[in-house]
Every structure is written in structure tokens, then in C-alpha cells.
N, C-alpha and C. Protein backbone atom coordinates (compact mmCIF):
# COMPACT_ATOMS: atom_id res chain seq x y z
N MET A 1 -13.56 -5.41 23.56
CA MET A 1 -13.30 -7.37 23.78
C MET A 1 -13.56 -8.25 22.98
N VAL A 2 -15.07 -7.38 21.90
CA VAL A 2 -15.74 -7.71 20.84
C VAL A 2 -14.43 -7.59 19.54
N LEU A 3 -14.04 -7.10 19.47
CA LEU A 3 -12.55 -6.77 18.90
C LEU A 3 -12.05 -7.19 18.51
N PHE A 4 -11.87 -7.83 19.47
CA PHE A 4 -10.90 -9.11 19.85
C PHE A 4 -11.31 -10.24 19.75
N SER A 5 -12.17 -10.39 19.72
CA SER A 5 -12.59 -12.08 19.06
C SER A 5 -12.92 -12.12 17.40
N TYR A 6 -12.79 -11.04 16.97
CA TYR A 6 -13.05 -11.12 15.36
C TYR A 6 -11.52 -11.35 14.82
N VAL A 7 -10.26 -10.36 15.93
CA VAL A 7 -8.99 -10.40 15.98
C VAL A 7 -8.63 -11.91 15.39
N LEU A 8 -8.89 -12.57 16.75
CA LEU A 8 -8.46 -13.75 17.07
C LEU A 8 -9.01 -14.74 15.93
N ALA A 9 -10.68 -14.45 15.50
CA ALA A 9 -11.29 -15.35 14.81
C ALA A 9 -10.16 -15.02 13.04
N PHE A 10 -9.42 -13.83 12.72
CA PHE A 10 -9.02 -13.73 11.89
C PHE A 10 -7.60 -14.79 11.98
N VAL A 11 -6.69 -14.63 12.72
CA VAL A 11 -5.64 -15.12 13.25
C VAL A 11 -5.70 -16.52 12.90
N LEU A 12 -6.96 -17.24 13.98
CA LEU A 12 -6.87 -18.15 14.01
C LEU A 12 -7.22 -19.33 12.24
N SER A 13 -8.10 -18.22 11.72
CA SER A 13 -8.56 -18.60 10.03
C SER A 13 -6.65 -18.52 9.13
N ILE A 14 -6.47 -17.65 9.51
CA ILE A 14 -4.93 -17.30 8.63
C ILE A 14 -3.98 -18.64 9.02
N GLY A 15 -4.16 -18.75 10.49
CA GLY A 15 -3.53 -19.89 10.82
C GLY A 15 -3.72 -21.29 9.76
N VAL A 16 -5.00 -21.51 9.94
CA VAL A 16 -5.29 -23.23 9.42
C VAL A 16 -5.47 -23.33 8.20
N ILE A 17 -5.06 -22.04 7.43
CA ILE A 17 -5.20 -21.62 5.85
C ILE A 17 -3.78 -21.73 5.25
N LEU A 18 -2.77 -21.11 6.14
CA LEU A 18 -1.60 -21.48 5.92
C LEU A 18 -0.95 -22.83 6.77
N LEU A 19 -1.27 -23.31 7.20
CA LEU A 19 -0.55 -25.12 7.68
C LEU A 19 -1.28 -25.63 6.32
N SER A 20 -2.05 -25.42 5.90
CA SER A 20 -2.67 -26.24 4.34
C SER A 20 -1.79 -25.60 3.70
N ALA A 21 -1.77 -24.46 3.19
CA ALA A 21 -0.63 -23.81 2.43
C ALA A 21 0.76 -24.28 2.40
N ALA A 22 1.07 -24.31 3.78
CA ALA A 22 2.97 -24.92 3.42
C ALA A 22 2.78 -25.99 3.01
N TYR A 23 1.75 -27.01 3.53
CA TYR A 23 1.69 -28.28 2.88
C TYR A 23 1.61 -28.41 1.23
N ALA A 24 0.97 -27.55 1.01
CA ALA A 24 0.65 -27.65 -0.40
C ALA A 24 2.15 -27.31 -0.78
N TYR A 25 2.64 -26.11 -0.58
CA TYR A 25 4.12 -25.55 -1.18
C TYR A 25 5.20 -26.58 -0.96
N LYS A 26 4.91 -27.68 0.23
CA LYS A 26 6.55 -28.77 -0.29
C LYS A 26 6.05 -29.59 -0.94
N HIS A 27 5.03 -29.63 -1.39
CA HIS A 27 4.78 -30.98 -2.41
C HIS A 27 4.23 -30.50 -4.26
N TYR A 28 3.94 -28.93 -3.55
CA TYR A 28 3.22 -28.89 -5.08
C TYR A 28 3.83 -29.42 -6.27
N ALA A 29 5.64 -29.26 -6.12
CA ALA A 29 6.04 -29.97 -7.59
C ALA A 29 6.20 -31.18 -7.49
N LYS A 30 5.21 -32.01 -7.02
CA LYS A 30 4.85 -33.63 -7.49
C LYS A 30 3.36 -33.51 -7.86
N THR A 31 3.00 -32.71 -7.92
CA THR A 31 1.64 -33.18 -8.61
C THR A 31 1.52 -32.42 -10.02
N ASN A 32 0.02 -32.28 -10.73
CA ASN A 32 0.25 -32.26 -12.11
C ASN A 32 -0.43 -30.89 -11.72
N GLU A 33 -0.69 -30.52 -13.41
CA GLU A 33 -1.29 -28.74 -13.69
C GLU A 33 -2.36 -29.07 -13.24
N MET A 34 -3.76 -29.73 -13.13
CA MET A 34 -4.87 -30.05 -12.27
C MET A 34 -5.20 -29.34 -10.78
N CYS A 35 -3.78 -30.65 -10.10
CA CYS A 35 -4.05 -29.59 -8.70
C CYS A 35 -3.33 -28.57 -8.48
N GLY A 36 -2.62 -28.13 -9.44
CA GLY A 36 -1.92 -26.50 -9.25
C GLY A 36 -3.41 -25.55 -9.22
N MET A 37 -4.01 -26.48 -10.42
CA MET A 37 -5.45 -25.04 -10.43
C MET A 37 -6.27 -25.37 -9.54
N MET A 38 -6.60 -26.13 -8.98
CA MET A 38 -7.13 -26.76 -7.42
C MET A 38 -6.04 -25.55 -6.45
N ILE A 39 -5.33 -25.56 -6.20
CA ILE A 39 -4.50 -24.82 -5.21
C ILE A 39 -4.73 -23.30 -5.24
N GLY A 40 -4.57 -22.85 -6.62
CA GLY A 40 -4.99 -21.65 -6.70
C GLY A 40 -6.32 -21.20 -5.94
N MET A 41 -7.38 -22.14 -6.91
CA MET A 41 -8.70 -21.65 -6.30
C MET A 41 -8.99 -22.12 -5.07
N ALA A 42 -8.90 -23.17 -4.35
CA ALA A 42 -8.79 -23.19 -2.91
C ALA A 42 -8.77 -21.90 -2.32
N TYR A 43 -7.21 -22.20 -2.05
CA TYR A 43 -6.60 -21.45 -1.43
C TYR A 43 -7.09 -19.40 -1.43
N GLY A 44 -7.24 -19.04 -3.09
CA GLY A 44 -7.63 -17.52 -3.64
C GLY A 44 -8.91 -17.72 -2.74
N THR A 45 -9.90 -18.35 -2.98
CA THR A 45 -11.26 -18.64 -2.53
C THR A 45 -11.60 -18.47 -0.97
N ALA A 46 -10.65 -19.17 -0.54
CA ALA A 46 -10.79 -19.63 1.64
C ALA A 46 -10.20 -17.80 1.90
N ALA A 47 -9.00 -17.77 1.30
CA ALA A 47 -8.42 -16.12 2.06
C ALA A 47 -9.20 -15.26 1.96
N GLY A 48 -9.93 -14.87 0.35
CA GLY A 48 -10.61 -13.84 0.18
C GLY A 48 -11.91 -14.34 0.69
N PHE A 49 -12.78 -15.35 1.52
CA PHE A 49 -13.72 -15.52 2.59
C PHE A 49 -13.25 -15.02 3.39
N ALA A 50 -12.57 -15.67 4.20
CA ALA A 50 -12.33 -15.09 5.32
C ALA A 50 -11.85 -13.99 5.60
N THR A 51 -11.32 -13.43 5.09
CA THR A 51 -10.96 -11.56 5.03
C THR A 51 -12.58 -10.83 5.00
N GLY A 52 -12.81 -11.26 3.75
CA GLY A 52 -14.35 -10.23 3.46
C GLY A 52 -15.47 -10.91 4.79
N THR A 53 -15.39 -12.19 5.31
CA THR A 53 -16.44 -12.47 6.22
C THR A 53 -15.94 -11.44 7.38
N LEU A 54 -14.59 -11.59 7.87
CA LEU A 54 -14.70 -11.04 9.27
C LEU A 54 -14.22 -9.73 9.02
N LEU A 55 -13.71 -8.98 7.83
CA LEU A 55 -13.90 -7.71 7.58
C LEU A 55 -15.29 -6.52 8.11
N VAL A 56 -16.46 -7.33 7.47
CA VAL A 56 -18.04 -6.84 7.69
C VAL A 56 -18.28 -7.56 8.33
N LEU A 57 -18.45 -8.71 9.04
CA LEU A 57 -19.34 -8.88 10.28
C LEU A 57 -18.92 -8.21 11.85
N PRO A 58 -17.91 -7.18 12.20
CA PRO A 58 -17.99 -6.71 13.01
C PRO A 58 -18.53 -5.07 12.56
N THR A 59 -18.44 -5.03 11.63
CA THR A 59 -18.03 -3.80 11.06
C THR A 59 -19.57 -3.39 10.69
N GLY A 60 -19.96 -4.10 9.39
CA GLY A 60 -21.43 -3.52 8.52
C GLY A 60 -21.02 -3.32 7.42
N ASN A 61 -19.44 -2.93 7.26
CA ASN A 61 -19.05 -1.84 6.30
C ASN A 61 -18.42 -3.18 5.09
N TYR A 62 -20.14 -3.29 4.08
CA TYR A 62 -19.49 -4.02 3.07
C TYR A 62 -18.37 -3.54 1.92
N VAL A 63 -18.51 -2.44 1.33
CA VAL A 63 -17.55 -1.60 0.96
C VAL A 63 -16.07 -2.52 1.13
N MET A 64 -15.63 -2.20 2.52
CA MET A 64 -13.99 -2.43 2.64
C MET A 64 -14.07 -3.91 2.79
N GLY A 65 -15.23 -4.76 3.69
CA GLY A 65 -15.01 -5.79 3.16
C GLY A 65 -14.82 -6.81 1.61
N MET A 66 -15.67 -6.24 0.91
CA MET A 66 -15.20 -6.55 -0.68
C MET A 66 -13.92 -6.58 -0.96
N ILE A 67 -13.54 -5.06 -0.90
CA ILE A 67 -12.57 -4.64 -1.15
C ILE A 67 -11.52 -5.62 -0.64
N GLY A 68 -11.07 -5.14 0.66
CA GLY A 68 -10.62 -6.13 1.52
C GLY A 68 -9.93 -7.78 1.11
N GLY A 69 -11.46 -8.19 1.26
CA GLY A 69 -11.12 -9.98 0.82
C GLY A 69 -11.04 -10.12 -0.76
N THR A 70 -11.39 -9.32 -1.42
CA THR A 70 -10.69 -9.35 -2.69
C THR A 70 -9.05 -9.05 -2.87
N ALA A 71 -8.58 -8.40 -2.38
CA ALA A 71 -7.12 -8.13 -2.29
C ALA A 71 -6.83 -9.01 -1.88
N VAL A 72 -6.50 -9.85 -0.52
CA VAL A 72 -5.91 -10.72 0.02
C VAL A 72 -6.01 -11.89 -0.49
N GLY A 73 -7.47 -12.34 -1.32
CA GLY A 73 -7.92 -13.13 -2.03
C GLY A 73 -7.21 -13.62 -3.54
N LEU A 74 -6.90 -12.20 -3.83
CA LEU A 74 -5.78 -11.76 -5.23
C LEU A 74 -4.41 -12.65 -4.66
N LEU A 75 -3.91 -11.67 -3.05
CA LEU A 75 -2.84 -11.94 -2.95
C LEU A 75 -2.23 -13.72 -3.00
N VAL A 76 -3.14 -13.98 -2.79
CA VAL A 76 -3.07 -15.75 -1.83
C VAL A 76 -2.86 -16.54 -3.04
N GLY A 77 -4.25 -15.87 -4.07
CA GLY A 77 -4.62 -16.90 -5.19
C GLY A 77 -3.48 -16.75 -6.62
N ILE A 78 -3.22 -15.97 -6.62
CA ILE A 78 -2.60 -15.66 -8.08
C ILE A 78 -0.89 -16.47 -7.61
N PRO A 79 -0.33 -15.94 -6.69
CA PRO A 79 0.78 -16.93 -6.26
C PRO A 79 0.83 -18.58 -6.45
N MET A 80 -0.14 -18.78 -5.26
CA MET A 80 -0.84 -20.11 -5.31
C MET A 80 -0.64 -20.60 -6.61
N GLY A 81 -1.61 -20.04 -7.43
CA GLY A 81 -2.04 -20.48 -8.29
C GLY A 81 -1.25 -21.16 -9.78
N ARG A 82 -0.38 -19.84 -9.82
CA ARG A 82 1.24 -20.23 -10.45
C ARG A 82 1.15 -21.35 -11.06
N TRP A 83 1.25 -22.19 -9.59
CA TRP A 83 2.02 -24.04 -9.40
C TRP A 83 1.05 -24.00 -11.04
N GLY A 84 -0.14 -24.27 -11.41
CA GLY A 84 -0.64 -25.10 -12.19
C GLY A 84 -0.71 -24.27 -13.83
N GLY A 85 0.20 -23.36 -13.84
CA GLY A 85 0.77 -22.77 -14.77
C GLY A 85 -0.18 -21.75 -15.15
N ALA A 86 -0.89 -21.35 -16.42
CA ALA A 86 -1.34 -19.91 -17.00
C ALA A 86 -2.79 -20.29 -16.26
N LEU A 87 -3.38 -21.48 -16.67
CA LEU A 87 -4.87 -21.95 -16.19
C LEU A 87 -4.75 -21.73 -14.56
N GLY A 88 -3.74 -22.01 -13.98
CA GLY A 88 -3.91 -22.22 -12.27
C GLY A 88 -4.22 -21.09 -12.02
N ARG A 89 -3.16 -19.73 -12.50
CA ARG A 89 -3.00 -18.37 -12.31
C ARG A 89 -4.13 -17.76 -12.71
N MET A 90 -4.55 -18.47 -13.52
CA MET A 90 -6.22 -17.39 -13.53
C MET A 90 -7.53 -17.77 -12.92
N GLU A 91 -7.16 -19.33 -12.48
CA GLU A 91 -7.87 -19.71 -11.94
C GLU A 91 -8.06 -19.15 -10.34
N GLY A 92 -6.93 -18.70 -9.79
CA GLY A 92 -6.29 -17.66 -8.75
C GLY A 92 -6.93 -16.58 -8.46
N VAL A 93 -6.63 -15.78 -9.77
CA VAL A 93 -7.62 -14.13 -10.03
C VAL A 93 -8.79 -14.59 -9.41
N MET A 94 -9.60 -15.73 -9.98
CA MET A 94 -11.18 -15.52 -10.42
C MET A 94 -11.40 -16.22 -9.27
N ALA A 95 -10.79 -16.70 -8.16
CA ALA A 95 -10.69 -17.50 -6.79
C ALA A 95 -10.71 -16.55 -6.12
N GLY A 96 -9.80 -15.58 -6.16
CA GLY A 96 -9.96 -14.39 -4.96
C GLY A 96 -11.00 -13.72 -5.50
N ILE A 97 -11.22 -13.24 -6.48
CA ILE A 97 -12.58 -12.05 -6.61
C ILE A 97 -13.57 -12.77 -5.89
N MET A 98 -13.86 -14.27 -6.02
CA MET A 98 -15.12 -14.64 -5.67
C MET A 98 -14.98 -14.96 -4.64
N GLY A 99 -13.81 -15.10 -3.78
CA GLY A 99 -14.19 -15.36 -2.73
C GLY A 99 -14.75 -14.29 -1.69
N GLY A 100 -13.89 -13.22 -2.12
CA GLY A 100 -13.56 -11.74 -1.16
C GLY A 100 -15.42 -11.05 -1.20
N GLN A 101 -15.94 -11.32 -2.43
CA GLN A 101 -17.13 -11.14 -2.54
C GLN A 101 -17.99 -12.16 -2.10
N MET A 102 -17.83 -13.18 -1.83
CA MET A 102 -18.54 -13.87 -1.06
C MET A 102 -18.64 -13.64 0.09
N GLY A 103 -17.44 -13.71 0.97
CA GLY A 103 -17.47 -13.25 2.21
C GLY A 103 -17.97 -12.02 2.32
N ALA A 104 -17.81 -10.89 1.99
CA ALA A 104 -18.54 -9.69 1.71
C ALA A 104 -20.16 -10.02 2.30
N MET A 105 -20.35 -10.96 1.20
CA MET A 105 -21.95 -11.08 1.32
C MET A 105 -22.42 -11.84 2.18
N ALA A 106 -21.63 -12.80 2.79
CA ALA A 106 -21.94 -13.39 3.95
C ALA A 106 -22.09 -12.62 4.95
N GLY A 107 -20.62 -12.10 5.02
CA GLY A 107 -20.83 -11.30 6.51
C GLY A 107 -21.95 -10.04 6.71
N LEU A 108 -22.46 -9.58 5.54
CA LEU A 108 -23.73 -8.48 5.65
C LEU A 108 -24.34 -9.54 5.90
N MET A 109 -24.94 -10.34 5.20
CA MET A 109 -26.75 -11.16 5.53
C MET A 109 -26.19 -11.86 6.95
N VAL A 110 -25.55 -12.18 7.94
CA VAL A 110 -25.53 -13.01 8.69
C VAL A 110 -25.77 -12.14 9.85
N ARG A 111 -25.35 -10.90 9.93
CA ARG A 111 -25.26 -9.75 10.82
C ARG A 111 -26.22 -9.95 11.41
N PRO A 112 -27.75 -10.07 11.48
CA PRO A 112 -28.70 -10.33 12.78
C PRO A 112 -28.98 -11.13 13.06
N PHE A 113 -28.00 -12.50 12.93
CA PHE A 113 -28.62 -13.71 13.52
C PHE A 113 -27.70 -13.93 14.52
N ASP A 114 -27.44 -15.09 14.88
CA ASP A 114 -27.09 -15.74 15.96
C ASP A 114 -24.92 -15.99 15.17
N LEU A 115 -24.18 -14.66 15.31
CA LEU A 115 -22.80 -14.80 15.14
C LEU A 115 -22.19 -16.05 15.69
N ASN A 116 -22.69 -16.43 16.57
CA ASN A 116 -21.50 -17.45 17.71
C ASN A 116 -21.90 -18.83 16.40
N LEU A 117 -22.74 -18.61 16.36
CA LEU A 117 -23.82 -20.31 15.31
C LEU A 117 -23.06 -20.24 14.37
N PHE A 118 -22.85 -18.96 13.83
CA PHE A 118 -22.37 -18.89 11.88
C PHE A 118 -20.90 -18.69 12.59
N MET A 119 -20.42 -18.67 13.23
CA MET A 119 -18.44 -18.76 13.59
C MET A 119 -18.44 -20.09 13.71
N LEU A 120 -19.50 -20.81 14.37
CA LEU A 120 -18.63 -22.24 14.50
C LEU A 120 -19.20 -22.83 12.87
N TYR A 121 -20.25 -22.56 12.31
CA TYR A 121 -20.09 -23.03 11.32
C TYR A 121 -19.44 -22.30 9.94
N TYR A 122 -18.50 -21.32 10.11
CA TYR A 122 -17.69 -21.04 9.47
C TYR A 122 -16.30 -21.83 9.45
N PHE A 123 -16.22 -21.99 11.03
CA PHE A 123 -14.66 -22.26 11.33
C PHE A 123 -14.89 -23.71 10.41
N ALA A 124 -15.85 -24.30 11.01
CA ALA A 124 -16.17 -25.72 9.98
C ALA A 124 -15.86 -25.70 8.99
N VAL A 125 -16.35 -24.90 7.71
CA VAL A 125 -16.56 -24.52 6.86
C VAL A 125 -14.98 -25.16 5.76
N LEU A 126 -14.16 -23.70 7.00
CA LEU A 126 -13.03 -23.26 6.73
C LEU A 126 -12.00 -24.54 6.55
N ILE A 127 -12.14 -25.79 7.74
CA ILE A 127 -11.50 -26.26 8.31
C ILE A 127 -11.75 -27.74 7.41
N VAL A 128 -13.19 -27.89 7.01
CA VAL A 128 -13.06 -29.38 5.75
C VAL A 128 -12.85 -28.61 4.45
N LEU A 129 -12.56 -27.52 4.27
CA LEU A 129 -11.94 -27.10 2.95
C LEU A 129 -10.77 -27.34 2.82
N MET A 130 -9.65 -26.82 4.12
CA MET A 130 -8.43 -26.74 4.16
C MET A 130 -7.89 -28.23 4.42
N GLY A 131 -8.47 -29.06 4.51
CA GLY A 131 -8.13 -29.92 4.88
C GLY A 131 -8.59 -30.86 3.87
N GLU A 132 -9.33 -30.75 3.20
CA GLU A 132 -9.47 -31.84 1.65
C GLU A 132 -8.68 -30.86 1.09
N MET A 133 -8.19 -29.94 0.91
CA MET A 133 -7.16 -29.43 0.25
C MET A 133 -5.74 -30.08 0.36
N GLY A 134 -5.82 -30.50 1.54
CA GLY A 134 -3.99 -31.09 1.80
C GLY A 134 -4.14 -32.57 2.23
N TYR A 135 -5.29 -33.60 1.55
CA TYR A 135 -5.79 -34.48 1.56
C TYR A 135 -5.66 -34.89 -0.51
N VAL A 136 -6.48 -33.98 -0.98
CA VAL A 136 -5.90 -33.85 -2.47
C VAL A 136 -4.14 -33.79 -2.89
N ILE A 137 -3.55 -32.90 -2.18
CA ILE A 137 -2.31 -32.91 -2.42
C ILE A 137 -1.80 -34.11 -2.27
N TYR A 138 -1.89 -34.30 -0.86
CA TYR A 138 -0.94 -35.79 -0.17
C TYR A 138 -1.51 -37.51 -1.06
N LYS A 139 -2.86 -37.07 -2.03
CA LYS A 139 -3.02 -38.52 -2.90
C LYS A 139 -2.54 -37.88 -4.22
N THR A 140 -2.47 -36.90 -4.21
CA THR A 140 -1.70 -36.24 -5.90
C THR A 140 0.14 -36.78 -6.01
N ALA A 141 0.07 -35.66 -4.50
CA ALA A 141 1.87 -35.94 -4.95
C ALA A 141 2.40 -37.46 -4.37
N LYS A 142 1.30 -38.46 -4.01
CA LYS A 142 2.05 -39.66 -3.33
C LYS A 142 2.97 -39.49 -2.15
N VAL A 143 3.06 -38.97 -1.18
CA VAL A 143 4.00 -38.83 -0.49
C VAL A 143 3.38 -39.07 1.04
N GLY A 144 4.64 -39.18 1.96
CA GLY A 144 4.42 -40.35 3.18
C GLY A 144 3.70 -38.91 3.79
N PHE A 145 2.45 -39.38 4.88
CA PHE A 145 1.36 -38.59 5.55
C PHE A 145 2.02 -37.88 6.56
N PRO A 146 1.75 -36.43 6.86
CA PRO A 146 2.56 -35.82 7.08
C PRO A 146 1.99 -35.19 9.02
N MET A 147 2.63 -36.47 10.13
CA MET A 147 2.24 -36.20 11.18
C MET A 147 2.34 -35.32 11.97
N LYS A 148 3.52 -34.56 11.66
CA LYS A 148 3.69 -32.90 12.57
C LYS A 148 2.51 -32.05 11.95
N GLY A 149 2.60 -31.98 10.99
CA GLY A 149 1.69 -30.52 10.18
C GLY A 149 0.00 -31.31 10.57
N ALA A 150 0.11 -32.54 10.59
CA ALA A 150 -1.71 -32.83 10.65
C ALA A 150 -1.87 -32.73 12.41
N VAL A 151 -0.75 -32.95 13.18
CA VAL A 151 -1.20 -32.56 14.63
C VAL A 151 -0.88 -31.04 14.42
N ALA A 152 -0.59 -30.23 13.94
CA ALA A 152 -0.51 -29.08 14.46
C ALA A 152 -1.91 -28.36 13.91
N PHE A 153 -2.53 -28.75 12.53
CA PHE A 153 -3.63 -28.67 11.70
C PHE A 153 -4.63 -28.71 12.58
N GLY A 154 -4.64 -30.05 13.66
CA GLY A 154 -5.74 -30.36 14.38
C GLY A 154 -6.10 -29.53 15.48
N LEU A 155 -4.57 -29.13 15.82
CA LEU A 155 -4.73 -28.07 16.87
C LEU A 155 -5.20 -26.76 16.74
N ALA A 156 -5.00 -26.54 15.44
CA ALA A 156 -5.27 -24.55 15.23
C ALA A 156 -6.86 -24.94 15.21
N SER A 157 -7.63 -26.24 14.36
CA SER A 157 -8.60 -26.43 14.24
C SER A 157 -9.88 -26.41 15.18
N ALA A 158 -8.91 -27.17 16.23
CA ALA A 158 -9.66 -27.30 16.93
C ALA A 158 -9.83 -26.38 18.43
N ALA A 159 -8.88 -25.34 18.17
CA ALA A 159 -9.12 -23.77 18.69
C ALA A 159 -10.14 -23.15 17.93
N ALA A 160 -10.11 -23.56 16.58
CA ALA A 160 -10.37 -22.35 15.93
C ALA A 160 -12.41 -22.64 16.22
N LEU A 161 -12.78 -24.53 16.14
CA LEU A 161 -13.73 -24.81 16.66
C LEU A 161 -14.23 -24.51 18.10
N ALA A 162 -13.47 -24.43 18.94
CA ALA A 162 -13.74 -23.70 20.43
C ALA A 162 -14.09 -22.31 20.68
N LEU A 163 -13.44 -21.52 19.46
CA LEU A 163 -13.48 -20.20 20.02
C LEU A 163 -15.00 -19.58 19.83
N PRO A 164 -15.87 -19.92 19.34
CA PRO A 164 -17.15 -19.33 19.38
C PRO A 164 -17.66 -19.83 20.68
N LEU A 165 -17.39 -20.58 21.25
CA LEU A 165 -18.04 -21.17 22.39
C LEU A 165 -17.60 -20.76 23.73
N PHE A 166 -16.60 -19.99 23.35
CA PHE A 166 -16.10 -19.48 24.63
C PHE A 166 -15.57 -18.09 24.60
N MET A 167 -16.02 -17.25 23.17
CA MET A 167 -16.02 -15.72 22.88
C MET A 167 -17.43 -15.16 22.89
N ASN A 168 -17.98 -13.96 22.57
CA ASN A 168 -18.60 -13.45 22.29
C ASN A 168 -18.54 -12.71 20.98
N PHE A 169 -19.53 -12.86 19.77
CA PHE A 169 -19.04 -12.54 18.59
C PHE A 169 -20.51 -11.82 18.19
N SER A 170 -20.53 -10.98 18.14
CA SER A 170 -21.69 -9.29 17.98
C SER A 170 -21.06 -8.76 17.22
N VAL A 171 -22.29 -7.68 17.27
CA VAL A 171 -22.13 -6.11 16.22
C VAL A 171 -21.69 -5.43 17.23
N PHE A 172 -20.77 -4.28 16.44
CA PHE A 172 -20.41 -3.08 17.11
C PHE A 172 -21.38 -1.70 17.39
């Protein structure tokens, strides 16, 4: 049952990231190079951090969290960073590595403490980061407000924030 809570947390994390990333993908051509660099950095860091944290929390295996977090961060950061040209791609590379390393460290350091409280904090930070990145794209691309996407993002965010209130996050 505890493993299920971490799998569900990972699915919700990826869902929040993908909803924001889909909005970025839809409008990246209307943005500038700096926004493309921010896209690579934000999504590479978020994906690496989420994966690294959620691999280490239940298992305590720092090395697997570091490797998995870095790999997922690179898989997300490089393709999304290329929208910002060569500099954006490099931002994606560095963000993927940094996010994976930071996620694994955070997961290892908070294991002895209140994990349900940490998961609430984790989701709040992830939602703010992805929401703000969507707002940056919205303002830079100068497009209409995406009501359907905002509702989907809001529902996924509410589900993610409610998860630590109803699921048990503990260590094996």
C-alpha cells in the first residue's frame, strides 16, 4: 500500500509537469530565445527533481534516485531546451543533472522526518513552479488564456495537494 502512494504521487507529479509542458509546446514558437532557455531549465529541473525524490523516498537508494532523476531530467530538459537554441539545450542538460541530483538528496535527507508534510510541501513547490512557467509562456507568447488547460491543471494540482492528506507516505 505504501508503494502505491509513491506511484500515485509520481503519476500526479508527471501529470502536473506534462500539462504545463503541453502548454509550453503549443506556444513555444511564439516566444523568444530566453523563454526557450527558461523552458529547458524549468522542465528539466522539475522532472529530474520529481523522479529523484520519489525514487529515493520509499527505498533510500540514493544512487538509483540520482541516476534515475538525472536520466529523466535529461530526457525532458534536452528536447524542451532546444526551443531556446544551443544555449537552451545546454540549460536543459544542466537542469536535468541538477534536478536529478537535488531530488535524490532531498529524498534522502527528509526520510527520517514527517513524509506526509514533506509531500504536501513537495507538491506545492511543483505546482507553483509549473504554474509560473505556464504564466511566463502566456505573457511572453501573448496568447489567449487557456481556460480548459487551466481547469485541467487546477484539478491535477488539487488532487496532488490532497494526496498527502489521504495517503500514507512512509518508508519501507
